[in-house]
Amino acid sequence: MKKYILLVLVLISISGFSQSLNDYKYAIVPAKFSFLKEKDQYRMNMLTKMFMEKYGFITYFDTDILPAEVAENSCNRVYVDVQSNGGFFTSKIVVTLKDCRNAVIFTSAEGKSREKDLQISFNQALREAFNSFDNLDLKSNRTTKSETTITEQVQPMPESKPIVPQAVVIKEEVKSTASESKILFAQPIENGFQLIDSTPKVIMKIYKTSIPICFMAIKDSVQGVLIFRENHWFFEYLSNSKLISEKVEVKF
């Protein structure tokens, strides 16, 4: 009986969180987390922003110039924070959302990783922490910035004409190098794959997300995403605030 009551209380708590979160349209992510020494170290801030957009929030960094609709009302957004509770051998990450009064409205489950590479470890732990958002009944009627800049939009036409989809053009630099023409072979590793050439040499490591056509990717010291679009795989990352897209031939 006690277990049943406890389960009901947990479900009520989750329901309350999701209901309050649906009242917010925007999210603010720090450009630097307090437990890290540098801005966007290990790409943690950029990944946090991407995850918030995935769950339907129009997301900005706290260093961005905000649109008037966002800037004029501080209580129309949630403030995202990420804390590290880990030790020497294990990375432990928790995501917290607060309102404009600094009151905590949601705390994620603790994400953990034992990877030795700190960048991989922090990223895996962050992804696991964000899995808690899957249990929330977040409405999908919010339009995120990523949806307005990356996905195709349907433009309304007069009733006498059919509706024609018009793709939004993304400003990006598409790199083309000799090495990209070579096929990379995917070898399974924990939570993802390593992509090797015919040498064999490890060119890139990619890690699964909840979206089958999108992987978190690390190439040398550069971190971004490996995404499938237009029937090809692309390694995309930011360089000096510019979106770089590299075409990659992968054989899984």
Protein backbone atom coordinates (compact mmCIF):
# COMPACT_ATOMS: atom_id res chain seq x y z
CA MET A 1 0.00 0.00 0.00
CA LYS A 2 2.84 2.39 0.91
CA LYS A 3 4.58 1.62 -2.39
CA TYR A 4 1.36 2.40 -4.28
CA ILE A 5 0.95 5.75 -2.51
CA LEU A 6 4.59 6.63 -3.22
CA LEU A 7 4.15 5.82 -6.92
CA VAL A 8 1.05 8.02 -7.12
CA LEU A 9 2.92 10.89 -5.46
CA VAL A 10 5.80 10.56 -7.94
CA LEU A 11 3.40 10.57 -10.91
CA ILE A 12 1.59 13.61 -9.54
CA SER A 13 4.94 15.36 -9.09
CA ILE A 14 5.99 14.67 -12.68
CA SER A 15 2.61 15.80 -13.95
CA GLY A 16 2.92 19.05 -12.03
CA PHE A 17 6.38 19.71 -13.46
CA SER A 18 5.29 19.08 -17.03
CA GLN A 19 2.25 21.28 -16.65
CA SER A 20 4.32 24.20 -15.37
CA LEU A 21 7.01 23.70 -18.01
CA ASN A 22 4.40 23.91 -20.75
CA ASP A 23 3.76 27.49 -19.61
CA TYR A 24 7.23 28.48 -20.83
CA LYS A 25 8.21 29.03 -24.43
CA TYR A 26 11.82 30.14 -24.07
CA ALA A 27 14.95 28.87 -22.33
CA ILE A 28 18.17 30.63 -21.36
CA VAL A 29 21.40 28.62 -21.21
CA PRO A 30 24.61 30.02 -19.65
CA ALA A 31 27.51 30.49 -22.06
CA LYS A 32 29.69 29.00 -19.30
CA PHE A 33 28.78 26.57 -16.52
CA SER A 34 30.21 27.21 -13.06
CA PHE A 35 31.93 23.82 -12.78
CA LEU A 36 33.92 24.37 -15.99
CA LYS A 37 36.89 26.68 -16.51
CA GLU A 38 36.10 27.87 -20.02
CA LYS A 39 33.15 29.02 -22.08
CA ASP A 40 31.43 26.06 -23.76
CA GLN A 41 34.16 23.73 -22.53
CA TYR A 42 33.68 20.16 -23.83
CA ARG A 43 30.79 21.65 -25.92
CA MET A 44 28.56 21.25 -22.87
CA ASN A 45 26.77 24.58 -23.31
CA MET A 46 26.08 24.07 -27.01
CA LEU A 47 24.80 20.52 -26.37
CA THR A 48 22.55 21.76 -23.56
CA LYS A 49 21.10 24.36 -25.93
CA MET A 50 20.52 21.67 -28.59
CA PHE A 51 18.76 19.40 -26.09
CA MET A 52 16.46 22.22 -24.90
CA GLU A 53 15.54 22.97 -28.51
CA LYS A 54 14.89 19.28 -29.07
CA TYR A 55 12.30 19.40 -26.28
CA GLY A 56 10.50 22.37 -27.81
CA PHE A 57 12.04 25.44 -26.19
CA ILE A 58 13.26 28.43 -28.21
CA THR A 59 16.67 28.66 -26.62
CA TYR A 60 19.26 31.42 -26.26
CA PHE A 61 22.58 31.79 -24.52
CA ASP A 62 22.68 34.35 -21.71
CA THR A 63 25.19 36.33 -23.79
CA ASP A 64 22.83 36.61 -26.81
CA ILE A 65 20.95 39.78 -27.70
CA LEU A 66 17.36 38.77 -27.00
CA PRO A 67 14.31 39.66 -29.12
CA ALA A 68 11.97 42.20 -27.53
CA GLU A 69 9.31 39.56 -26.79
CA VAL A 70 11.83 37.64 -24.68
CA ALA A 71 13.74 40.54 -23.16
CA GLU A 72 10.70 42.51 -21.97
CA ASN A 73 9.32 39.67 -19.85
CA SER A 74 11.81 37.73 -17.75
CA CYS A 75 9.12 35.33 -16.54
CA ASN A 76 8.29 33.87 -19.96
CA ARG A 77 11.40 31.68 -19.91
CA VAL A 78 13.18 29.00 -17.90
CA TYR A 79 16.78 29.33 -16.82
CA VAL A 80 18.85 26.21 -17.41
CA ASP A 81 21.74 25.15 -15.24
CA VAL A 82 23.96 22.07 -15.33
CA GLN A 83 25.82 20.84 -12.25
CA SER A 84 28.57 18.25 -11.94
CA ASN A 85 28.49 15.98 -8.89
CA GLY A 86 31.06 13.53 -10.14
CA GLY A 87 34.38 12.36 -8.78
CA PHE A 88 37.69 11.34 -10.29
CA PHE A 89 36.43 8.17 -11.99
CA THR A 90 32.78 9.02 -12.77
CA SER A 91 31.11 12.02 -14.36
CA LYS A 92 27.73 12.83 -12.80
CA ILE A 93 25.54 15.51 -14.36
CA VAL A 94 22.22 17.03 -13.24
CA VAL A 95 20.11 19.51 -15.24
CA THR A 96 18.07 22.08 -13.29
CA LEU A 97 15.40 24.47 -14.58
CA LYS A 98 14.48 27.59 -12.62
CA ASP A 99 11.89 30.32 -13.10
CA CYS A 100 12.36 34.10 -12.93
CA ARG A 101 12.07 34.00 -9.12
CA ASN A 102 15.01 31.57 -8.96
CA ALA A 103 12.65 28.79 -7.84
CA VAL A 104 13.52 25.30 -9.05
CA ILE A 105 10.73 23.93 -11.25
CA PHE A 106 12.46 20.79 -12.51
CA THR A 107 15.52 18.71 -11.64
CA SER A 108 16.59 15.84 -13.90
CA ALA A 109 17.75 12.42 -12.86
CA GLU A 110 21.52 12.11 -12.49
CA GLY A 111 23.33 11.20 -15.69
CA LYS A 112 26.50 9.14 -15.27
CA SER A 113 29.45 8.05 -17.36
CA ARG A 114 32.72 6.27 -16.57
CA GLU A 115 34.49 7.18 -19.82
CA LYS A 116 38.10 8.25 -19.23
CA ASP A 117 37.97 11.01 -21.85
CA LEU A 118 36.33 13.96 -20.06
CA GLN A 119 34.70 15.35 -23.18
CA ILE A 120 33.06 12.03 -23.99
CA SER A 121 32.21 11.38 -20.35
CA PHE A 122 30.54 14.75 -19.75
CA ASN A 123 28.60 14.53 -23.02
CA GLN A 124 27.32 11.02 -22.24
CA ALA A 125 26.30 12.01 -18.71
CA LEU A 126 24.51 15.12 -20.03
CA ARG A 127 22.59 13.08 -22.59
CA GLU A 128 21.52 10.59 -19.89
CA ALA A 129 20.37 13.44 -17.63
CA PHE A 130 18.25 14.89 -20.44
CA ASN A 131 16.55 11.50 -20.88
CA SER A 132 14.46 12.56 -17.87
CA PHE A 133 12.66 15.01 -20.18
CA ASP A 134 11.21 12.03 -22.07
CA ASN A 135 9.02 11.33 -19.03
CA LEU A 136 7.48 14.80 -19.17
CA ASP A 137 4.33 15.48 -21.16
CA LEU A 138 5.81 18.47 -22.94
CA LYS A 139 3.57 19.96 -25.60
CA SER A 140 4.93 19.87 -29.13
CA ASN A 141 3.12 23.01 -30.34
CA ARG A 142 6.09 25.29 -29.65
CA THR A 143 8.20 26.15 -32.67
CA THR A 144 11.90 26.00 -31.96
CA LYS A 145 14.62 28.01 -33.64
CA SER A 146 16.10 24.81 -35.04
CA GLU A 147 12.80 23.99 -36.70
CA THR A 148 12.59 27.41 -38.33
CA THR A 149 16.14 27.32 -39.66
CA ILE A 150 16.83 23.68 -40.44
CA THR A 151 13.64 21.85 -41.34
CA GLU A 152 11.47 22.43 -44.38
CA GLN A 153 8.56 24.85 -43.96
CA VAL A 154 5.24 24.79 -45.81
CA GLN A 155 4.24 28.21 -47.12
CA PRO A 156 0.45 28.84 -47.36
CA MET A 157 -0.86 29.64 -50.84
CA PRO A 158 -4.29 30.80 -52.08
CA GLU A 159 -6.94 28.08 -52.00
CA SER A 160 -6.97 27.89 -55.78
CA LYS A 161 -3.33 26.76 -55.79
CA PRO A 162 -1.74 23.73 -54.16
CA ILE A 163 0.44 24.18 -51.09
CA VAL A 164 4.08 24.03 -52.16
CA PRO A 165 6.79 23.20 -49.63
CA GLN A 166 9.64 25.68 -49.71
CA ALA A 167 12.91 24.73 -48.07
CA VAL A 168 14.57 27.31 -45.88
CA VAL A 169 18.13 28.00 -47.03
CA ILE A 170 20.74 27.61 -44.30
CA LYS A 171 23.84 29.76 -44.54
CA GLU A 172 26.63 27.25 -44.21
CA GLU A 173 30.05 26.55 -45.54
CA VAL A 174 30.29 23.11 -47.14
CA LYS A 175 33.82 21.80 -47.08
CA SER A 176 35.09 19.37 -49.68
CA THR A 177 38.41 17.63 -49.19
CA ALA A 178 40.07 14.58 -50.72
CA SER A 179 39.76 12.62 -47.49
CA GLU A 180 35.99 13.13 -47.42
CA SER A 181 35.62 11.19 -50.67
CA LYS A 182 36.89 8.06 -48.93
CA ILE A 183 34.42 5.71 -47.33
CA LEU A 184 34.55 5.48 -43.55
CA PHE A 185 33.55 2.19 -41.92
CA ALA A 186 31.54 2.16 -38.70
CA GLN A 187 32.77 -0.09 -35.90
CA PRO A 188 30.50 -0.46 -32.85
CA ILE A 189 31.72 1.00 -29.55
CA GLU A 190 29.85 1.67 -26.33
CA ASN A 191 26.85 3.92 -27.08
CA GLY A 192 27.88 4.48 -30.69
CA PHE A 193 30.49 3.84 -33.38
CA GLN A 194 34.02 4.76 -34.34
CA LEU A 195 34.48 5.62 -38.00
CA ILE A 196 37.70 4.30 -39.52
CA ASP A 197 39.32 4.59 -42.93
CA SER A 198 41.03 1.78 -44.88
CA THR A 199 44.36 2.27 -43.04
CA PRO A 200 42.67 1.57 -40.55
CA LYS A 201 42.74 4.85 -38.65
CA VAL A 202 40.01 6.22 -36.37
CA ILE A 203 38.74 9.40 -38.03
CA MET A 204 35.72 10.16 -35.89
CA LYS A 205 33.73 8.84 -32.93
CA ILE A 206 29.95 9.18 -32.93
CA TYR A 207 27.47 8.60 -30.12
CA LYS A 208 23.80 7.73 -30.32
CA THR A 209 21.02 10.18 -29.52
CA SER A 210 17.28 9.56 -29.31
CA ILE A 211 17.10 10.58 -32.98
CA PRO A 212 18.32 7.71 -35.24
CA ILE A 213 19.60 10.05 -37.97
CA CYS A 214 21.60 12.25 -35.62
CA PHE A 215 24.75 11.39 -33.66
CA MET A 216 26.93 13.47 -31.37
CA ALA A 217 30.31 13.44 -33.10
CA ILE A 218 33.94 14.10 -32.20
CA LYS A 219 36.61 14.54 -34.89
CA ASP A 220 40.07 15.30 -33.50
CA SER A 221 39.36 18.13 -31.04
CA VAL A 222 36.24 19.34 -32.86
CA GLN A 223 32.80 18.38 -31.58
CA GLY A 224 29.55 18.63 -33.47
CA VAL A 225 26.85 16.36 -34.88
CA LEU A 226 26.72 13.76 -37.62
CA ILE A 227 23.33 14.17 -39.29
CA PHE A 228 21.63 12.46 -42.24
CA ARG A 229 19.97 14.82 -44.71
CA GLU A 230 19.53 14.96 -48.47
CA ASN A 231 20.45 11.24 -48.58
CA HIS A 232 23.95 11.91 -47.23
CA TRP A 233 25.73 12.09 -43.89
CA PHE A 234 27.16 15.47 -42.84
CA PHE A 235 29.50 16.36 -39.98
CA GLU A 236 28.32 19.77 -38.79
CA TYR A 237 29.96 22.06 -36.24
CA LEU A 238 30.47 25.72 -35.43
CA SER A 239 33.70 27.56 -36.23
CA ASN A 240 33.90 31.25 -35.34
CA SER A 241 30.08 31.34 -35.14
CA LYS A 242 29.83 29.93 -38.68
CA LEU A 243 28.08 26.63 -39.41
CA ILE A 244 30.49 24.26 -41.14
CA SER A 245 29.08 21.20 -42.91
CA GLU A 246 31.35 18.41 -44.13
CA LYS A 247 29.96 15.61 -46.28
CA VAL A 248 31.00 12.19 -44.98
CA GLU A 249 30.62 8.82 -46.71
CA VAL A 250 29.83 6.24 -44.03
CA LYS A 251 29.23 2.52 -44.35
CA PHE A 252 27.41 1.07 -41.33
